[in-house]
C-alpha atoms as a PDB file:
ATOM      1  CA  MET A   1      40.312  98.609   3.936  1.00  0.00           C
ATOM      2  CA  THR A   2      43.789  96.760   4.250  1.00  0.00           C
ATOM      3  CA  THR A   3      46.466  97.899   6.515  1.00  0.00           C
ATOM      4  CA  THR A   4      50.050  98.134   5.784  1.00  0.00           C
ATOM      5  CA  THR A   5      52.938  97.166   8.042  1.00  0.00           C
ATOM      6  CA  SER A   6      56.177  98.795   8.281  1.00  0.00           C
ATOM      7  CA  THR A   7      57.945  95.476   6.910  1.00  0.00           C
ATOM      8  CA  GLU A   8      55.699  95.760   3.619  1.00  0.00           C
ATOM      9  CA  LEU A   9      56.630  99.401   3.466  1.00  0.00           C
ATOM     10  CA  LYS A  10      60.460  98.516   3.951  1.00  0.00           C
ATOM     11  CA  GLU A  11      60.129  96.003   1.039  1.00  0.00           C
ATOM     12  CA  ILE A  12      58.204  98.599  -1.370  1.00  0.00           C
ATOM     13  CA  ARG A  13      60.750 101.183  -0.586  1.00  0.00           C
ATOM     14  CA  ASP A  14      63.312  98.590  -1.272  1.00  0.00           C
ATOM     15  CA  LEU A  15      61.832  97.503  -4.567  1.00  0.00           C
ATOM     16  CA  ILE A  16      61.581 101.319  -5.487  1.00  0.00           C
ATOM     17  CA  LEU A  17      65.461 101.765  -4.385  1.00  0.00           C
ATOM     18  CA  GLN A  18      66.353  98.783  -6.853  1.00  0.00           C
ATOM     19  CA  LEU A  19      64.306 100.008  -9.578  1.00  0.00           C
ATOM     20  CA  ASP A  20      65.890 103.497  -9.321  1.00  0.00           C
ATOM     21  CA  LYS A  21      69.133 101.817  -9.554  1.00  0.00           C
ATOM     22  CA  LYS A  22      68.488 100.075 -12.547  1.00  0.00           C
ATOM     23  CA  ILE A  23      66.992 102.983 -14.223  1.00  0.00           C
ATOM     24  CA  ASP A  24      70.443 104.841 -13.395  1.00  0.00           C
ATOM     25  CA  ALA A  25      72.284 102.052 -15.061  1.00  0.00           C
ATOM     26  CA  LEU A  26      70.146 102.147 -17.976  1.00  0.00           C
ATOM     27  CA  ASP A  27      70.644 105.904 -18.194  1.00  0.00           C
ATOM     28  CA  LYS A  28      74.177 105.596 -17.982  1.00  0.00           C
ATOM     29  CA  LYS A  29      74.061 102.714 -20.928  1.00  0.00           C
ATOM     30  CA  VAL A  30      71.830 105.424 -23.071  1.00  0.00           C
ATOM     31  CA  ASP A  31      74.640 108.055 -22.177  1.00  0.00           C
ATOM     32  CA  VAL A  32      77.505 105.794 -23.389  1.00  0.00           C
ATOM     33  CA  ASN A  33      75.638 104.764 -26.491  1.00  0.00           C
ATOM     34  CA  THR A  34      74.957 108.428 -27.393  1.00  0.00           C
ATOM     35  CA  ALA A  35      78.642 109.412 -27.337  1.00  0.00           C
ATOM     36  CA  ARG A  36      79.377 106.340 -29.073  1.00  0.00           C
ATOM     37  CA  THR A  37      76.875 107.319 -32.020  1.00  0.00           C
ATOM     38  CA  GLU A  38      77.891 110.852 -32.041  1.00  0.00           C
ATOM     39  CA  GLU A  39      81.549 109.943 -32.590  1.00  0.00           C
ATOM     40  CA  LYS A  40      80.572 107.625 -35.463  1.00  0.00           C
ATOM     41  CA  LEU A  41      78.344 110.283 -36.831  1.00  0.00           C
ATOM     42  CA  ASP A  42      81.374 112.993 -36.691  1.00  0.00           C
ATOM     43  CA  ALA A  43      83.731 110.506 -38.214  1.00  0.00           C
ATOM     44  CA  ILE A  44      81.288 109.951 -41.259  1.00  0.00           C
ATOM     45  CA  ASN A  45      80.730 113.783 -41.555  1.00  0.00           C
ATOM     46  CA  GLN A  46      84.406 114.134 -41.921  1.00  0.00           C
ATOM     47  CA  ARG A  47      84.414 111.365 -44.460  1.00  0.00           C
ATOM     48  CA  LEU A  48      81.881 112.981 -46.364  1.00  0.00           C
ATOM     49  CA  GLU A  49      83.458 116.441 -46.359  1.00  0.00           C
ATOM     50  CA  SER A  50      86.952 114.912 -47.495  1.00  0.00           C
ATOM     51  CA  MET A  51      84.823 113.182 -50.568  1.00  0.00           C
ATOM     52  CA  ASP A  52      82.958 116.773 -51.360  1.00  0.00           C
ATOM     53  CA  LYS A  53      86.782 118.111 -51.503  1.00  0.00           C
ATOM     54  CA  ARG A  54      87.681 115.345 -53.955  1.00  0.00           C
ATOM     55  CA  MET A  55      84.756 115.725 -56.014  1.00  0.00           C
ATOM     56  CA  GLU A  56      85.483 119.462 -56.420  1.00  0.00           C
ATOM     57  CA  LYS A  57      88.849 118.899 -57.633  1.00  0.00           C
ATOM     58  CA  LEU A  58      87.773 116.177 -60.153  1.00  0.00           C
ATOM     59  CA  GLU A  59      85.355 118.715 -61.426  1.00  0.00           C
ATOM     60  CA  ASP A  60      87.665 121.441 -61.743  1.00  0.00           C
ATOM     61  CA  GLY A  61      90.200 118.812 -63.264  1.00  0.00           C
ATOM     62  CA  THR A  62      87.475 117.633 -65.692  1.00  0.00           C
ATOM     63  CA  GLN A  63      86.501 121.309 -66.575  1.00  0.00           C
ATOM     64  CA  LYS A  64      89.981 122.228 -67.432  1.00  0.00           C
ATOM     65  CA  GLN A  65      90.337 119.138 -69.918  1.00  0.00           C
ATOM     66  CA  VAL A  66      87.217 120.150 -71.586  1.00  0.00           C
ATOM     67  CA  TRP A  67      88.233 123.448 -72.148  1.00  0.00           C
ATOM     68  CA  ALA A  68      91.770 122.251 -73.307  1.00  0.00           C
ATOM     69  CA  LEU A  69      90.036 119.991 -75.690  1.00  0.00           C
ATOM     70  CA  ILE A  70      87.954 123.015 -77.015  1.00  0.00           C
ATOM     71  CA  SER A  71      90.969 124.873 -77.666  1.00  0.00           C
ATOM     72  CA  ILE A  72      92.882 122.421 -79.350  1.00  0.00           C
ATOM     73  CA  VAL A  73      89.948 121.672 -81.740  1.00  0.00           C
ATOM     74  CA  GLY A  74      89.503 125.531 -82.485  1.00  0.00           C
ATOM     75  CA  VAL A  75      93.368 125.906 -83.244  1.00  0.00           C
ATOM     76  CA  ALA A  76      93.033 122.998 -85.534  1.00  0.00           C
ATOM     77  CA  VAL A  77      89.952 124.516 -87.191  1.00  0.00           C
ATOM     78  CA  LEU A  78      91.524 128.130 -87.280  1.00  0.00           C
ATOM     79  CA  GLY A  79      94.518 126.330 -88.932  1.00  0.00           C
ATOM     80  CA  ILE A  80      92.666 124.440 -91.632  1.00  0.00           C
ATOM     81  CA  LEU A  81      90.741 127.596 -92.301  1.00  0.00           C
ATOM     82  CA  GLY A  82      93.994 129.528 -92.528  1.00  0.00           C
ATOM     83  CA  ARG A  83      95.444 127.106 -94.841  1.00  0.00           C
ATOM     84  CA  LEU A  84      92.572 127.205 -97.137  1.00  0.00           C
ATOM     85  CA  LEU A  85      92.181 130.848 -97.192  1.00  0.00           C
ATOM     86  CA  LEU A  86      96.129 131.579 -97.795  1.00  0.00           C
ATOM     87  CA  PHE A  87      96.545 128.974-100.106  1.00  0.00           C
ATOM     88  CA  PRO A  88      93.369 127.880-102.024  1.00  0.00           C
ATOM     89  CA  SER A  89      95.026 126.468-105.062  1.00  0.00           C
ATOM     90  CA  ARG A  90      96.994 123.574-103.057  1.00  0.00           C
ATOM     91  CA  PRO A  91      95.347 120.531-101.966  1.00  0.00           C
ATOM     92  CA  ILE A  92      95.395 119.833 -98.454  1.00  0.00           C
ATOM     93  CA  GLY A  93      97.350 116.441 -97.643  1.00  0.00           C
END
């Protein structure tokens, strides 16, 4: 069995303290990187939300255009039917 001297114990203690400092430094780096990542994710989420709002506006606008087109075609068909029913002897054109 070997015995350890006080000098060896101090060296081991110093090595442990150095490792502890390195671990603390790495922990700080991880915290900083985590904060940066969270900020970037928040910015991405904001962009996605604004894109969703824009898409909703586009969908509403497109739906209104479709209904306007349907209305125009309906009025045109009603006009042609009315012309044929009210004036059947006259040719169209």
